């Protein structure tokens, strides 16, 4: 029951995060609505892989 009540919140949250990251937002809107908070780790992994694909595998993109 609680998952059904929080479903619109997580779908909106995933949509906003996808827009900020420059990813396609509609699939993340649907994923957030269907699986709720489980979509967040999937989103962060997808964002990391998209960044790695864009920059290349041998490039260091974080320097402390």
PDB file of N, CA and C in Angstrom:
ATOM      1  N   UNK A   1       0.823  -1.190   0.000  1.00  0.00           N
ATOM      2  CA  UNK A   1       0.000   0.000   0.000  1.00  0.00           C
ATOM      3  C   UNK A   1       0.875   1.266   0.000  1.00  0.00           C
ATOM      4  N   UNK A   2       1.908   1.229   0.823  1.00  0.00           N
ATOM      5  CA  UNK A   2       2.793   2.391   0.895  1.00  0.00           C
ATOM      6  C   UNK A   2       3.526   2.613  -0.424  1.00  0.00           C
ATOM      7  N   UNK A   3       3.888   1.520  -1.090  1.00  0.00           N
ATOM      8  CA  UNK A   3       4.567   1.630  -2.380  1.00  0.00           C
ATOM      9  C   UNK A   3       3.675   2.299  -3.420  1.00  0.00           C
ATOM     10  N   UNK A   4       2.382   1.998  -3.377  1.00  0.00           N
ATOM     11  CA  UNK A   4       1.449   2.629  -4.308  1.00  0.00           C
ATOM     12  C   UNK A   4       1.293   4.122  -4.030  1.00  0.00           C
ATOM     13  N   UNK A   5       1.371   4.505  -2.771  1.00  0.00           N
ATOM     14  CA  UNK A   5       1.255   5.916  -2.434  1.00  0.00           C
ATOM     15  C   UNK A   5       2.511   6.709  -2.798  1.00  0.00           C
ATOM     16  N   UNK A   6       3.659   6.077  -2.700  1.00  0.00           N
ATOM     17  CA  UNK A   6       4.920   6.763  -2.983  1.00  0.00           C
ATOM     18  C   UNK A   6       5.353   6.649  -4.441  1.00  0.00           C
ATOM     19  N   UNK A   7       4.627   5.893  -5.229  1.00  0.00           N
ATOM     20  CA  UNK A   7       4.986   5.693  -6.626  1.00  0.00           C
ATOM     21  C   UNK A   7       5.078   7.000  -7.416  1.00  0.00           C
ATOM     22  N   UNK A   8       4.122   7.934  -7.307  1.00  0.00           N
ATOM     23  CA  UNK A   8       4.268   9.198  -8.042  1.00  0.00           C
ATOM     24  C   UNK A   8       5.468  10.028  -7.586  1.00  0.00           C
ATOM     25  N   UNK A   9       5.809   9.932  -6.322  1.00  0.00           N
ATOM     26  CA  UNK A   9       6.959  10.688  -5.810  1.00  0.00           C
ATOM     27  C   UNK A   9       8.248  10.179  -6.447  1.00  0.00           C
ATOM     28  N   UNK A  10       8.430   8.854  -6.477  1.00  0.00           N
ATOM     29  CA  UNK A  10       9.649   8.289  -7.040  1.00  0.00           C
ATOM     30  C   UNK A  10       9.706   8.450  -8.551  1.00  0.00           C
ATOM     31  N   UNK A  11       8.563   8.413  -9.216  1.00  0.00           N
ATOM     32  CA  UNK A  11       8.587   8.612 -10.665  1.00  0.00           C
ATOM     33  C   UNK A  11       8.991  10.046 -10.999  1.00  0.00           C
ATOM     34  N   UNK A  12       8.485  11.004 -10.250  1.00  0.00           N
ATOM     35  CA  UNK A  12       8.884  12.393 -10.462  1.00  0.00           C
ATOM     36  C   UNK A  12      10.339  12.636 -10.122  1.00  0.00           C
ATOM     37  N   UNK A  13      10.803  12.005  -9.061  1.00  0.00           N
ATOM     38  CA  UNK A  13      12.186  12.165  -8.631  1.00  0.00           C
ATOM     39  C   UNK A  13      13.138  11.584  -9.682  1.00  0.00           C
ATOM     40  N   UNK A  14      12.834  10.394 -10.197  1.00  0.00           N
ATOM     41  CA  UNK A  14      13.672   9.801 -11.238  1.00  0.00           C
ATOM     42  C   UNK A  14      13.638  10.637 -12.514  1.00  0.00           C
ATOM     43  N   UNK A  15      12.486  11.219 -12.822  1.00  0.00           N
ATOM     44  CA  UNK A  15      12.365  12.075 -14.002  1.00  0.00           C
ATOM     45  C   UNK A  15      13.271  13.299 -13.881  1.00  0.00           C
ATOM     46  N   UNK A  16      13.258  13.942 -12.732  1.00  0.00           N
ATOM     47  CA  UNK A  16      14.082  15.131 -12.514  1.00  0.00           C
ATOM     48  C   UNK A  16      15.569  14.778 -12.543  1.00  0.00           C
ATOM     49  N   UNK A  17      15.947  13.667 -11.904  1.00  0.00           N
ATOM     50  CA  UNK A  17      17.351  13.250 -11.915  1.00  0.00           C
ATOM     51  C   UNK A  17      17.828  12.926 -13.324  1.00  0.00           C
ATOM     52  N   UNK A  18      16.964  12.301 -14.127  1.00  0.00           N
ATOM     53  CA  UNK A  18      17.346  11.974 -15.506  1.00  0.00           C
ATOM     54  C   UNK A  18      17.500  13.239 -16.339  1.00  0.00           C
ATOM     55  N   UNK A  19      16.633  14.220 -16.141  1.00  0.00           N
ATOM     56  CA  UNK A  19      16.761  15.488 -16.862  1.00  0.00           C
ATOM     57  C   UNK A  19      18.062  16.191 -16.497  1.00  0.00           C
ATOM     58  N   UNK A  20      18.411  16.190 -15.209  1.00  0.00           N
ATOM     59  CA  UNK A  20      19.652  16.825 -14.768  1.00  0.00           C
ATOM     60  C   UNK A  20      20.885  16.129 -15.339  1.00  0.00           C
ATOM     61  N   UNK A  21      20.818  14.793 -15.462  1.00  0.00           N
ATOM     62  CA  UNK A  21      21.959  14.030 -15.931  1.00  0.00           C
ATOM     63  C   UNK A  21      22.068  14.004 -17.451  1.00  0.00           C
ATOM     64  N   UNK A  22      21.042  14.476 -18.153  1.00  0.00           N
ATOM     65  CA  UNK A  22      21.074  14.480 -19.606  1.00  0.00           C
ATOM     66  C   UNK A  22      20.707  13.141 -20.215  1.00  0.00           C
ATOM     67  N   UNK A  23      19.998  12.309 -19.467  1.00  0.00           N
ATOM     68  CA  UNK A  23      19.560  11.013 -19.969  1.00  0.00           C
ATOM     69  C   UNK A  23      18.121  11.108 -20.460  1.00  0.00           C
ATOM     70  N   UNK A  24      17.666  10.069 -21.158  1.00  0.00           N
ATOM     71  CA  UNK A  24      16.268  10.031 -21.569  1.00  0.00           C
ATOM     72  C   UNK A  24      15.402   9.913 -20.320  1.00  0.00           C
ATOM     73  N   UNK A  25      14.461  10.819 -20.181  1.00  0.00           N
ATOM     74  CA  UNK A  25      13.724  10.895 -18.931  1.00  0.00           C
ATOM     75  C   UNK A  25      12.471  10.032 -18.893  1.00  0.00           C
ATOM     76  N   UNK A  26      11.865   9.745 -20.036  1.00  0.00           N
ATOM     77  CA  UNK A  26      10.622   8.973 -20.033  1.00  0.00           C
ATOM     78  C   UNK A  26      10.809   7.548 -19.509  1.00  0.00           C
ATOM     79  N   UNK A  27      11.856   6.811 -19.917  1.00  0.00           N
ATOM     80  CA  UNK A  27      12.022   5.466 -19.332  1.00  0.00           C
ATOM     81  C   UNK A  27      12.248   5.494 -17.829  1.00  0.00           C
ATOM     82  N   UNK A  28      12.905   6.523 -17.330  1.00  0.00           N
ATOM     83  CA  UNK A  28      13.140   6.606 -15.896  1.00  0.00           C
ATOM     84  C   UNK A  28      11.883   7.030 -15.151  1.00  0.00           C
ATOM     85  N   UNK A  29      11.008   7.770 -15.799  1.00  0.00           N
ATOM     86  CA  UNK A  29       9.713   8.097 -15.213  1.00  0.00           C
ATOM     87  C   UNK A  29       8.903   6.821 -15.022  1.00  0.00           C
ATOM     88  N   UNK A  30       8.884   5.974 -16.027  1.00  0.00           N
ATOM     89  CA  UNK A  30       8.140   4.715 -15.957  1.00  0.00           C
ATOM     90  C   UNK A  30       8.779   3.764 -14.942  1.00  0.00           C
ATOM     91  N   UNK A  31      10.105   3.690 -14.947  1.00  0.00           N
ATOM     92  CA  UNK A  31      10.795   2.801 -14.007  1.00  0.00           C
ATOM     93  C   UNK A  31      10.569   3.243 -12.566  1.00  0.00           C
ATOM     94  N   UNK A  32      10.581   4.530 -12.325  1.00  0.00           N
ATOM     95  CA  UNK A  32      10.316   5.031 -10.981  1.00  0.00           C
ATOM     96  C   UNK A  32       8.901   4.746 -10.536  1.00  0.00           C
ATOM     97  N   UNK A  33       7.959   4.794 -11.464  1.00  0.00           N
ATOM     98  CA  UNK A  33       6.569   4.501 -11.118  1.00  0.00           C
ATOM     99  C   UNK A  33       6.356   3.012 -10.862  1.00  0.00           C
ATOM    100  N   UNK A  34       7.064   2.162 -11.593  1.00  0.00           N
ATOM    101  CA  UNK A  34       6.838   0.724 -11.452  1.00  0.00           C
ATOM    102  C   UNK A  34       7.549   0.110 -10.253  1.00  0.00           C
ATOM    103  N   UNK A  35       8.802   0.456 -10.058  1.00  0.00           N
ATOM    104  CA  UNK A  35       9.576  -0.218  -9.012  1.00  0.00           C
ATOM    105  C   UNK A  35       9.914   0.675  -7.833  1.00  0.00           C
ATOM    106  N   UNK A  36       9.632   1.943  -7.913  1.00  0.00           N
ATOM    107  CA  UNK A  36       9.826   2.847  -6.782  1.00  0.00           C
ATOM    108  C   UNK A  36      11.289   3.078  -6.446  1.00  0.00           C
ATOM    109  N   UNK A  37      11.656   2.934  -5.168  1.00  0.00           N
ATOM    110  CA  UNK A  37      13.023   3.261  -4.748  1.00  0.00           C
ATOM    111  C   UNK A  37      14.083   2.305  -5.283  1.00  0.00           C
ATOM    112  N   UNK A  38      13.679   1.175  -5.814  1.00  0.00           N
ATOM    113  CA  UNK A  38      14.652   0.236  -6.386  1.00  0.00           C
ATOM    114  C   UNK A  38      15.257   0.814  -7.661  1.00  0.00           C
ATOM    115  N   UNK A  39      14.581   1.766  -8.290  1.00  0.00           N
ATOM    116  CA  UNK A  39      15.078   2.356  -9.531  1.00  0.00           C
ATOM    117  C   UNK A  39      16.264   3.289  -9.302  1.00  0.00           C
ATOM    118  N   UNK A  40      16.440   3.786  -8.091  1.00  0.00           N
ATOM    119  CA  UNK A  40      17.527   4.742  -7.840  1.00  0.00           C
ATOM    120  C   UNK A  40      18.918   4.129  -7.999  1.00  0.00           C
ATOM    121  N   UNK A  41      19.216   2.956  -7.432  1.00  0.00           N
ATOM    122  CA  UNK A  41      20.531   2.364  -7.710  1.00  0.00           C
ATOM    123  C   UNK A  41      20.724   2.023  -9.185  1.00  0.00           C
ATOM    124  N   UNK A  42      19.657   1.599  -9.840  1.00  0.00           N
ATOM    125  CA  UNK A  42      19.749   1.327 -11.272  1.00  0.00           C
ATOM    126  C   UNK A  42      20.045   2.597 -12.048  1.00  0.00           C
ATOM    127  N   UNK A  43      19.431   3.695 -11.643  1.00  0.00           N
ATOM    128  CA  UNK A  43      19.659   4.969 -12.303  1.00  0.00           C
ATOM    129  C   UNK A  43      21.099   5.429 -12.137  1.00  0.00           C
ATOM    130  N   UNK A  44      21.621   5.344 -10.930  1.00  0.00           N
ATOM    131  CA  UNK A  44      22.992   5.797 -10.697  1.00  0.00           C
ATOM    132  C   UNK A  44      24.002   4.941 -11.465  1.00  0.00           C
ATOM    133  N   UNK A  45      23.739   3.650 -11.564  1.00  0.00           N
ATOM    134  CA  UNK A  45      24.619   2.784 -12.337  1.00  0.00           C
ATOM    135  C   UNK A  45      24.536   3.121 -13.825  1.00  0.00           C
ATOM    136  N   UNK A  46      23.345   3.377 -14.330  1.00  0.00           N
ATOM    137  CA  UNK A  46      23.182   3.730 -15.738  1.00  0.00           C
ATOM    138  C   UNK A  46      23.857   5.069 -16.044  1.00  0.00           C
ATOM    139  N   UNK A  47      23.751   6.016 -15.134  1.00  0.00           N
ATOM    140  CA  UNK A  47      24.392   7.322 -15.321  1.00  0.00           C
ATOM    141  C   UNK A  47      25.910   7.184 -15.357  1.00  0.00           C
ATOM    142  N   UNK A  48      26.443   6.347 -14.474  1.00  0.00           N
ATOM    143  CA  UNK A  48      27.888   6.125 -14.440  1.00  0.00           C
ATOM    144  C   UNK A  48      28.369   5.461 -15.719  1.00  0.00           C
ATOM    145  N   UNK A  49      27.622   4.473 -16.203  1.00  0.00           N
ATOM    146  CA  UNK A  49      28.012   3.786 -17.434  1.00  0.00           C
ATOM    147  C   UNK A  49      27.900   4.697 -18.658  1.00  0.00           C
ATOM    148  N   UNK A  50      26.893   5.564 -18.681  1.00  0.00           N
ATOM    149  CA  UNK A  50      26.756   6.508 -19.796  1.00  0.00           C
ATOM    150  C   UNK A  50      27.905   7.507 -19.803  1.00  0.00           C
ATOM    151  N   UNK A  51      28.313   7.960 -18.628  1.00  0.00           N
ATOM    152  CA  UNK A  51      29.449   8.881 -18.540  1.00  0.00           C
ATOM    153  C   UNK A  51      30.730   8.197 -18.982  1.00  0.00           C
ATOM    154  N   UNK A  52      30.893   6.955 -18.564  1.00  0.00           N
ATOM    155  CA  UNK A  52      32.092   6.222 -18.950  1.00  0.00           C
ATOM    156  C   UNK A  52      32.126   5.955 -20.453  1.00  0.00           C
ATOM    157  N   UNK A  53      30.964   5.695 -21.037  1.00  0.00           N
ATOM    158  CA  UNK A  53      30.886   5.480 -22.474  1.00  0.00           C
ATOM    159  C   UNK A  53      31.203   6.763 -23.235  1.00  0.00           C
ATOM    160  N   UNK A  54      30.740   7.899 -22.718  1.00  0.00           N
ATOM    161  CA  UNK A  54      30.967   9.175 -23.389  1.00  0.00           C
ATOM    162  C   UNK A  54      32.431   9.611 -23.296  1.00  0.00           C
ATOM    163  N   UNK A  55      33.077   9.355 -22.164  1.00  0.00           N
ATOM    164  CA  UNK A  55      34.443   9.819 -21.956  1.00  0.00           C
ATOM    165  C   UNK A  55      35.496   8.813 -22.405  1.00  0.00           C
ATOM    166  N   UNK A  56      35.142   7.558 -22.441  1.00  0.00           N
ATOM    167  CA  UNK A  56      36.107   6.525 -22.781  1.00  0.00           C
ATOM    168  C   UNK A  56      36.559   5.784 -21.533  1.00  0.00           C
ATOM    169  N   UNK A  57      37.078   4.599 -21.729  1.00  0.00           N
ATOM    170  CA  UNK A  57      37.427   3.760 -20.587  1.00  0.00           C
ATOM    171  C   UNK A  57      38.787   4.088 -19.998  1.00  0.00           C
ATOM    172  N   UNK A  58      39.674   4.680 -20.766  1.00  0.00           N
ATOM    173  CA  UNK A  58      41.014   4.934 -20.267  1.00  0.00           C
ATOM    174  C   UNK A  58      41.193   6.313 -19.655  1.00  0.00           C
ATOM    175  N   UNK A  59      40.171   7.131 -19.686  1.00  0.00           N
ATOM    176  CA  UNK A  59      40.275   8.502 -19.215  1.00  0.00           C
ATOM    177  C   UNK A  59      39.955   8.598 -17.730  1.00  0.00           C
ATOM    178  N   UNK A  60      40.768   9.316 -16.999  1.00  0.00           N
ATOM    179  CA  UNK A  60      40.488   9.568 -15.592  1.00  0.00           C
ATOM    180  C   UNK A  60      39.678  10.852 -15.502  1.00  0.00           C
ATOM    181  N   UNK A  61      38.459  10.771 -14.969  1.00  0.00           N
ATOM    182  CA  UNK A  61      37.588  11.954 -14.945  1.00  0.00           C
ATOM    183  C   UNK A  61      37.413  12.490 -13.550  1.00  0.00           C
ATOM    184  N   UNK A  62      38.075  11.898 -12.554  1.00  0.00           N
ATOM    185  CA  UNK A  62      37.999  12.429 -11.193  1.00  0.00           C
ATOM    186  C   UNK A  62      39.406  12.570 -10.658  1.00  0.00           C
ATOM    187  N   UNK A  63      39.770  13.785 -10.322  1.00  0.00           N
ATOM    188  CA  UNK A  63      41.071  14.023  -9.719  1.00  0.00           C
ATOM    189  C   UNK A  63      40.866  14.791  -8.434  1.00  0.00           C
ATOM    190  N   UNK A  64      41.212  14.199  -7.297  1.00  0.00           N
ATOM    191  CA  UNK A  64      40.984  14.892  -6.014  1.00  0.00           C
ATOM    192  C   UNK A  64      41.884  16.089  -5.812  1.00  0.00           C
TER     193      UNK A  64
END
